[in-house]
């Protein structure tokens, strides 16, 4: 169903399907999946057919018995003519109700296969530790996070994404996190936001293991823009507020801070054409600015931006980073980026490599270390601009 009703319907998928001639591939994939599921469908159809036939036979048999009973009574003079009409109406009501009951039972039996899959899914245990402590509401946003000898493996993997990781986040400062792909940058953010719990070690907030805090209250501390963020086919304002109730002035202010130009219908502009014919198909850069505005709208004390300018042009990127201090304000901010030019706007830089923190310091300090990883990455990128 994904290929037939979702992938093919995606606006973005249309270009790939045409350019790379994916029509036959999609149809073949759909057909092969359908062939594999055919046994299950046949079993459901067989059960439904059998149950429907049984239902019909039982209904006819019961109707026949009752009508025979009433007919014989009438012939024997036990019922008056008016009573025969009354009993016939009652029989009709009974047969109708009985048929509805049997039809419902038939559908239930036919869907047992699907229900089993549903119940199996619902019975998957939730292994996430549920804390009860409330997160302290601080006017000064003085929250201190610390990774203490944290190691982590993704489920089903034998390789550590992070190994013996230690880091203290300086409150109110701007930190850039850099490193090659797969070095553990995004994994660190996922652990910090409790999308996963560490395999080893602990992460603390103001000296207390974050697992001990109420999960929802803890998440309220973060505004995050992940690489694979999601916008919805609702209005622009609802996407920014992540809610149907919008503080319009606040939403507009956040969009301006994120650098998004005025949309045709302002905050009421529908995104995409799934539900509205006049919906706007936005570019990757515009989507990234909306996601950034959503993070600002939440106004959490801790803001995390994972590749926040990857889809932006150089001018828009410069505008975002030149307004960095104004955007983040007194919040603690982490910026994950492969564009090292962004690091110059941050107070602190953490360099990751193969799941470990190998360097930390200011841009000038790290660049002065000619044998360090940061120096290598910076000059690798700078060389292309110089040439």
Protein backbone atom coordinates (compact mmCIF):
# COMPACT_ATOMS: atom_id res chain seq x y z
CA UNK A 1 0.00 0.00 0.00
CA UNK A 2 2.97 2.34 0.64
CA UNK A 3 4.10 2.17 -2.98
CA UNK A 4 0.60 2.50 -4.42
CA UNK A 5 -0.94 5.16 -2.19
CA UNK A 6 1.94 7.01 -0.54
CA UNK A 7 5.25 6.97 -2.41
CA UNK A 8 3.66 7.52 -5.84
CA UNK A 9 1.57 10.35 -4.37
CA UNK A 10 4.57 12.24 -2.94
CA UNK A 11 5.26 15.49 -4.76
CA UNK A 12 9.01 15.04 -4.27
CA UNK A 13 8.91 11.44 -5.52
CA UNK A 14 7.37 12.48 -8.84
CA UNK A 15 10.65 13.94 -10.10
CA UNK A 16 12.66 10.81 -9.25
CA UNK A 17 10.04 8.48 -10.73
CA UNK A 18 10.23 10.34 -14.04
CA UNK A 19 13.96 11.05 -14.25
CA UNK A 20 15.05 7.56 -13.22
CA UNK A 21 12.22 5.66 -14.90
CA UNK A 22 10.94 4.12 -11.68
CA UNK A 23 7.45 3.35 -12.99
CA UNK A 24 8.18 -0.30 -13.81
CA UNK A 25 10.23 -0.75 -10.62
CA UNK A 26 7.39 0.50 -8.43
CA UNK A 27 4.84 -1.69 -10.21
CA UNK A 28 7.09 -4.76 -9.98
CA UNK A 29 7.74 -4.15 -6.29
CA UNK A 30 4.04 -3.71 -5.62
CA UNK A 31 3.21 -6.89 -7.55
CA UNK A 32 5.87 -8.95 -5.76
CA UNK A 33 4.64 -7.80 -2.34
CA UNK A 34 1.06 -8.53 -3.35
CA UNK A 35 2.08 -12.04 -4.46
CA UNK A 36 3.72 -12.65 -1.10
CA UNK A 37 0.63 -11.51 0.77
CA UNK A 38 -1.79 -13.38 -1.46
CA UNK A 39 -1.91 -16.43 0.83
CA UNK A 40 -2.95 -14.27 3.75
CA UNK A 41 -5.60 -12.54 1.64
CA UNK A 42 -6.91 -15.88 0.37
CA UNK A 43 -7.15 -17.16 3.94
CA UNK A 44 -9.13 -14.08 4.96
CA UNK A 45 -11.41 -14.39 1.93
CA UNK A 46 -11.93 -18.11 2.58
CA UNK A 47 -12.84 -17.46 6.22
CA UNK A 48 -15.18 -14.64 5.24
CA UNK A 49 -16.87 -16.76 2.55
CA UNK A 50 -17.34 -19.70 4.92
CA UNK A 51 -18.66 -17.56 7.76
CA UNK A 52 -21.01 -15.67 5.43
CA UNK A 53 -22.48 -18.94 4.14
CA UNK A 54 -22.92 -20.29 7.66
CA UNK A 55 -24.60 -17.03 8.65
CA UNK A 56 -27.04 -17.29 5.73
CA UNK A 57 -27.90 -20.94 6.41
CA UNK A 58 -28.50 -20.35 10.13
CA UNK A 59 -30.64 -17.26 9.43
CA UNK A 60 -32.80 -19.14 6.90
CA UNK A 61 -33.14 -22.16 9.19
CA UNK A 62 -34.23 -20.09 12.21
CA UNK A 63 -36.63 -18.01 10.07
CA UNK A 64 -38.18 -21.19 8.68
CA UNK A 65 -38.68 -22.71 12.13
CA UNK A 66 -40.31 -19.58 13.53
CA UNK A 67 -42.58 -19.06 10.54
CA UNK A 68 -43.65 -22.73 10.66
CA UNK A 69 -44.39 -22.38 14.36
CA UNK A 70 -46.53 -19.26 13.82
CA UNK A 71 -48.22 -20.78 10.77
CA UNK A 72 -49.25 -23.97 12.58
CA UNK A 73 -50.51 -21.98 15.57
CA UNK A 74 -52.58 -19.80 13.26
CA UNK A 75 -54.08 -22.83 11.50
CA UNK A 76 -54.95 -24.35 14.88
CA UNK A 77 -56.76 -21.16 15.82
CA UNK A 78 -54.37 -20.22 18.61
CA UNK A 79 -53.59 -16.80 17.05
CA UNK A 80 -55.95 -14.15 15.76
CA UNK A 81 -55.27 -12.44 12.43
CA UNK A 82 -53.94 -9.31 14.16
CA UNK A 83 -51.53 -11.39 16.25
CA UNK A 84 -50.18 -13.07 13.11
CA UNK A 85 -49.22 -9.66 11.73
CA UNK A 86 -47.66 -8.71 15.07
CA UNK A 87 -45.64 -11.92 15.26
CA UNK A 88 -44.53 -11.61 11.61
CA UNK A 89 -43.19 -8.09 12.33
CA UNK A 90 -41.40 -9.32 15.45
CA UNK A 91 -39.86 -12.18 13.48
CA UNK A 92 -38.61 -9.74 10.84
CA UNK A 93 -37.00 -7.56 13.52
CA UNK A 94 -35.40 -10.59 15.15
CA UNK A 95 -34.00 -11.91 11.87
CA UNK A 96 -32.62 -8.46 10.99
CA UNK A 97 -30.90 -8.13 14.37
CA UNK A 98 -29.60 -11.67 14.24
CA UNK A 99 -28.18 -11.10 10.72
CA UNK A 100 -26.42 -7.92 11.86
CA UNK A 101 -24.91 -9.81 14.79
CA UNK A 102 -23.72 -12.63 12.54
CA UNK A 103 -22.28 -10.19 9.99
CA UNK A 104 -20.30 -8.48 12.73
CA UNK A 105 -19.09 -11.84 13.97
CA UNK A 106 -18.08 -12.77 10.41
CA UNK A 107 -16.04 -9.59 9.97
CA UNK A 108 -14.35 -10.17 13.32
CA UNK A 109 -13.38 -13.71 12.35
CA UNK A 110 -12.15 -12.57 8.94
CA UNK A 111 -9.91 -9.91 10.47
CA UNK A 112 -8.31 -12.15 13.09
CA UNK A 113 -5.05 -12.20 11.13
CA UNK A 114 -4.85 -8.39 11.17
CA UNK A 115 -5.91 -8.20 14.81
CA UNK A 116 -3.16 -10.59 15.84
CA UNK A 117 -0.55 -8.36 14.21
CA UNK A 118 -2.08 -5.34 15.96
CA UNK A 119 -2.09 -6.97 19.40
CA UNK A 120 1.47 -8.27 18.90
CA UNK A 121 2.55 -4.70 18.20
CA UNK A 122 0.68 -3.26 21.18
CA UNK A 123 2.24 -5.84 23.50
CA UNK A 124 5.83 -4.83 22.65
CA UNK A 125 7.21 -3.81 26.05
CA UNK A 126 8.22 -0.21 26.73
CA UNK A 127 11.71 -0.47 28.18
CA UNK A 128 12.13 3.26 28.65
CA UNK A 129 12.67 4.05 32.32
CA UNK A 130 9.93 6.38 33.54
CA UNK A 131 11.15 8.88 36.11
CA UNK A 132 8.98 10.97 38.41
CA UNK A 133 11.11 13.98 39.38
CA UNK A 134 9.97 17.35 38.10
CA UNK A 135 12.45 19.51 36.22
CA UNK A 136 13.17 22.64 38.16
CA UNK A 137 11.67 25.75 36.52
CA UNK A 138 14.48 28.27 36.58
CA UNK A 139 14.09 31.87 35.49
CA UNK A 140 17.85 32.07 34.80
CA UNK A 141 17.82 28.88 32.65
CA UNK A 142 20.76 27.57 34.70
CA UNK A 143 20.67 23.98 33.54
CA UNK A 144 23.89 21.97 33.44
CA UNK A 145 24.12 18.77 31.41
CA UNK A 146 26.97 16.31 31.68
CA UNK A 147 27.82 13.08 29.87
CA UNK A 148 29.68 10.75 32.21
CA UNK A 149 31.56 7.86 30.55
CA UNK A 150 28.66 7.33 28.14
CA UNK A 151 28.81 4.51 25.61
CA UNK A 152 26.04 3.54 23.23
CA UNK A 153 25.20 0.86 20.67
CA UNK A 154 22.12 1.08 18.48
CA UNK A 155 19.73 -1.89 18.93
CA UNK A 156 20.93 -4.87 16.93
CA UNK A 157 24.41 -3.43 16.37
CA UNK A 158 27.70 -4.61 17.87
CA UNK A 159 29.50 -1.37 17.04
CA UNK A 160 29.64 1.52 19.49
CA UNK A 161 28.23 4.76 18.06
CA UNK A 162 29.70 6.53 21.11
CA UNK A 163 32.47 5.15 23.31
CA UNK A 164 33.43 6.37 26.78
CA UNK A 165 32.08 9.82 26.00
CA UNK A 166 32.50 12.67 28.49
CA UNK A 167 31.21 16.19 27.99
CA UNK A 168 29.90 19.02 30.12
CA UNK A 169 27.70 21.60 28.41
CA UNK A 170 28.40 25.15 29.44
CA UNK A 171 25.10 26.87 30.16
CA UNK A 172 24.23 29.91 28.08
CA UNK A 173 27.00 29.33 25.55
CA UNK A 174 26.98 28.39 21.90
CA UNK A 175 28.68 25.11 21.02
CA UNK A 176 29.46 23.82 17.53
CA UNK A 177 29.78 20.06 17.09
CA UNK A 178 31.80 18.93 14.07
CA UNK A 179 33.19 15.72 12.70
CA UNK A 180 32.96 13.32 9.79
CA UNK A 181 29.81 11.35 8.96
CA UNK A 182 29.13 8.59 11.48
CA UNK A 183 31.34 10.14 14.16
CA UNK A 184 28.52 10.19 16.74
CA UNK A 185 27.32 13.80 16.60
CA UNK A 186 23.60 13.11 16.05
CA UNK A 187 23.74 10.09 18.37
CA UNK A 188 24.88 12.38 21.17
CA UNK A 189 21.82 14.59 20.60
CA UNK A 190 19.44 11.62 20.54
CA UNK A 191 20.83 10.45 23.89
CA UNK A 192 20.58 13.94 25.35
CA UNK A 193 16.91 14.11 24.32
CA UNK A 194 16.25 10.59 25.68
CA UNK A 195 15.21 9.15 22.33
CA UNK A 196 17.57 6.40 23.51
CA UNK A 197 19.15 5.62 26.86
CA UNK A 198 22.91 5.03 27.15
CA UNK A 199 24.20 1.46 26.95
CA UNK A 200 26.77 2.40 29.59
CA UNK A 201 27.38 5.46 31.75
CA UNK A 202 24.90 8.23 32.56
CA UNK A 203 23.77 11.69 31.51
CA UNK A 204 22.95 14.14 34.28
CA UNK A 205 20.94 17.35 34.55
CA UNK A 206 22.11 19.49 37.46
CA UNK A 207 23.83 16.41 38.90
CA UNK A 208 20.82 14.04 38.65
CA UNK A 209 20.51 11.20 36.14
CA UNK A 210 18.11 12.40 33.43
CA UNK A 211 16.25 9.06 33.56
CA UNK A 212 14.90 10.06 36.98
CA UNK A 213 13.03 13.07 35.59
CA UNK A 214 9.46 12.95 34.34
CA UNK A 215 9.86 12.19 30.62
CA UNK A 216 7.47 14.80 29.26
CA UNK A 217 8.76 17.53 31.55
CA UNK A 218 12.31 16.69 30.54
CA UNK A 219 11.50 16.91 26.82
CA UNK A 220 10.00 20.36 27.40
CA UNK A 221 13.54 21.65 28.02
CA UNK A 222 14.54 21.10 24.37
CA UNK A 223 13.84 22.67 21.03
CA UNK A 224 15.42 20.49 18.36
CA UNK A 225 15.68 20.60 14.58
CA UNK A 226 16.86 17.20 13.39
CA UNK A 227 18.23 16.53 9.91
CA UNK A 228 15.12 14.50 9.06
CA UNK A 229 12.56 16.94 10.49
CA UNK A 230 8.94 16.69 9.35
CA UNK A 231 6.53 19.39 8.24
CA UNK A 232 2.83 18.65 7.87
CA UNK A 233 0.14 19.49 5.33
CA UNK A 234 -1.39 22.10 7.61
CA UNK A 235 -1.11 25.86 7.59
CA UNK A 236 2.22 27.63 7.99
CA UNK A 237 1.21 28.94 11.42
CA UNK A 238 0.17 25.50 12.68
CA UNK A 239 3.51 24.06 11.53
CA UNK A 240 5.39 26.74 13.44
CA UNK A 241 3.29 26.42 16.59
CA UNK A 242 2.96 22.62 16.33
CA UNK A 243 -0.58 23.29 17.48
CA UNK A 244 -3.96 24.36 16.12
CA UNK A 245 -3.94 27.27 18.57
CA UNK A 246 -1.42 29.86 17.39
CA UNK A 247 0.10 32.93 19.00
CA UNK A 248 0.19 34.75 15.67
CA UNK A 249 2.51 37.57 16.70
CA UNK A 250 4.97 35.13 18.22
CA UNK A 251 4.84 32.80 15.19
CA UNK A 252 5.42 35.71 12.80
CA UNK A 253 8.35 36.93 14.87
CA UNK A 254 9.97 33.47 14.84
CA UNK A 255 9.55 33.20 11.05
CA UNK A 256 11.23 36.59 10.61
CA UNK A 257 14.11 35.52 12.87
CA UNK A 258 14.50 32.35 10.79
CA UNK A 259 14.66 34.48 7.62
CA UNK A 260 11.51 33.20 5.87
CA UNK A 261 9.99 35.61 3.38
CA UNK A 262 6.28 36.45 3.48
CA UNK A 263 4.06 33.62 2.21
CA UNK A 264 1.02 34.28 -0.08
CA UNK A 265 -1.55 34.02 2.75
CA UNK A 266 0.78 34.68 5.65
CA UNK A 267 0.39 32.29 8.57
CA UNK A 268 -2.73 30.84 6.94
CA UNK A 269 -0.81 29.61 3.89
CA UNK A 270 -1.45 25.85 3.52
CA UNK A 271 1.69 23.79 3.00
CA UNK A 272 1.66 21.16 0.23
CA UNK A 273 -1.32 20.12 -1.84
CA UNK A 274 -2.49 17.03 0.05
CA UNK A 275 -5.62 18.78 1.35
CA UNK A 276 -5.67 22.19 -0.33
CA UNK A 277 -5.53 22.91 -4.07
CA UNK A 278 -3.86 26.25 -3.39
CA UNK A 279 -1.28 24.66 -1.08
CA UNK A 280 2.33 25.81 -1.49
CA UNK A 281 5.09 23.36 -2.41
CA UNK A 282 8.00 24.83 -0.48
CA UNK A 283 11.70 24.42 -1.25
CA UNK A 284 14.16 22.57 0.96
CA UNK A 285 15.60 25.86 2.23
CA UNK A 286 12.15 27.23 3.07
CA UNK A 287 11.27 24.00 4.90
CA UNK A 288 14.44 24.31 6.94
CA UNK A 289 13.60 27.89 7.92
CA UNK A 290 10.10 26.82 9.02
CA UNK A 291 11.60 24.01 11.13
CA UNK A 292 13.98 26.53 12.69
CA UNK A 293 11.06 28.88 13.42
CA UNK A 294 9.22 26.00 15.09
CA UNK A 295 12.19 25.38 17.38
CA UNK A 296 12.30 29.09 18.27
CA UNK A 297 8.53 29.20 18.89
CA UNK A 298 8.79 26.50 21.55
CA UNK A 299 11.13 28.83 23.48
CA UNK A 300 12.85 26.04 25.39
CA UNK A 301 16.00 26.83 27.39
CA UNK A 302 18.07 24.39 25.34
CA UNK A 303 18.14 24.59 21.54
CA UNK A 304 19.73 22.00 19.26
CA UNK A 305 20.16 22.51 15.52
CA UNK A 306 21.37 19.51 13.53
CA UNK A 307 22.62 20.81 10.16
CA UNK A 308 20.33 23.87 10.41
CA UNK A 309 21.58 25.49 7.18
CA UNK A 310 22.33 22.48 4.97
CA UNK A 311 19.65 23.41 2.43
CA UNK A 312 20.24 27.17 2.55
CA UNK A 313 22.15 29.26 0.05
CA UNK A 314 25.38 30.96 1.25
CA UNK A 315 23.68 34.36 1.75
CA UNK A 316 20.83 32.88 3.81
CA UNK A 317 23.33 30.82 5.80
CA UNK A 318 25.39 33.92 6.61
CA UNK A 319 22.24 35.78 7.71
CA UNK A 320 21.28 32.94 10.07
CA UNK A 321 24.70 32.72 11.69
CA UNK A 322 25.22 36.48 11.87
CA UNK A 323 21.99 36.63 13.92
CA UNK A 324 22.99 33.62 15.99
CA UNK A 325 23.28 35.39 19.32
CA UNK A 326 19.94 37.13 18.81
CA UNK A 327 18.20 33.89 17.79
CA UNK A 328 19.48 31.84 20.71
CA UNK A 329 19.43 34.69 23.24
CA UNK A 330 20.43 33.42 26.68
CA UNK A 331 19.71 29.80 25.72
CA UNK A 332 22.25 27.02 25.58
CA UNK A 333 22.70 26.15 21.92
CA UNK A 334 24.33 23.26 20.08
CA UNK A 335 24.94 23.47 16.35
CA UNK A 336 25.90 20.37 14.41
CA UNK A 337 27.35 21.27 11.05
CA UNK A 338 29.66 20.06 8.31
CA UNK A 339 30.24 23.64 7.21
CA UNK A 340 33.06 24.70 9.48
CA UNK A 341 32.57 28.39 8.67
CA UNK A 342 29.64 28.25 11.10
CA UNK A 343 32.02 27.38 13.93
CA UNK A 344 33.41 30.89 14.02
CA UNK A 345 30.11 32.14 15.42
CA UNK A 346 30.29 29.78 18.44
CA UNK A 347 32.03 30.12 21.80
CA UNK A 348 33.02 26.48 21.97
CA UNK A 349 33.76 23.73 19.42
CA UNK A 350 33.65 19.97 20.08
CA UNK A 351 35.32 17.70 17.52
CA UNK A 352 34.05 14.12 17.18
CA UNK A 353 35.82 11.22 15.52
CA UNK A 354 34.76 7.56 15.46
CA UNK A 355 32.40 7.96 18.41
CA UNK A 356 34.81 9.85 20.64
CA UNK A 357 35.37 13.46 21.62
CA UNK A 358 38.95 14.12 20.49
CA UNK A 359 39.22 17.93 20.65
CA UNK A 360 37.48 20.84 22.30
CA UNK A 361 38.18 24.57 22.34
CA UNK A 362 37.72 27.83 20.46
CA UNK A 363 38.14 28.14 16.71
CA UNK A 364 41.52 29.89 16.97
CA UNK A 365 42.84 27.40 19.54
CA UNK A 366 41.86 24.33 17.52
CA UNK A 367 43.06 25.80 14.24
CA UNK A 368 46.46 26.49 15.78
CA UNK A 369 46.91 22.75 16.45
CA UNK A 370 48.32 21.74 13.06
CA UNK A 371 48.21 18.04 13.92
CA UNK A 372 44.59 18.07 15.08
CA UNK A 373 41.47 16.84 13.31
CA UNK A 374 39.85 20.28 13.28
CA UNK A 375 42.84 21.79 11.49
CA UNK A 376 42.61 19.00 8.90
CA UNK A 377 38.88 19.44 8.33
CA UNK A 378 39.08 23.24 8.17
CA UNK A 379 41.92 23.32 5.65
CA UNK A 380 40.32 20.59 3.53
CA UNK A 381 37.26 22.77 3.08
CA UNK A 382 39.18 26.04 2.81
CA UNK A 383 41.41 24.68 0.04
CA UNK A 384 38.53 24.51 -2.43
CA UNK A 385 37.54 28.10 -1.74
CA UNK A 386 41.15 29.29 -2.13
CA UNK A 387 41.61 27.42 -5.38
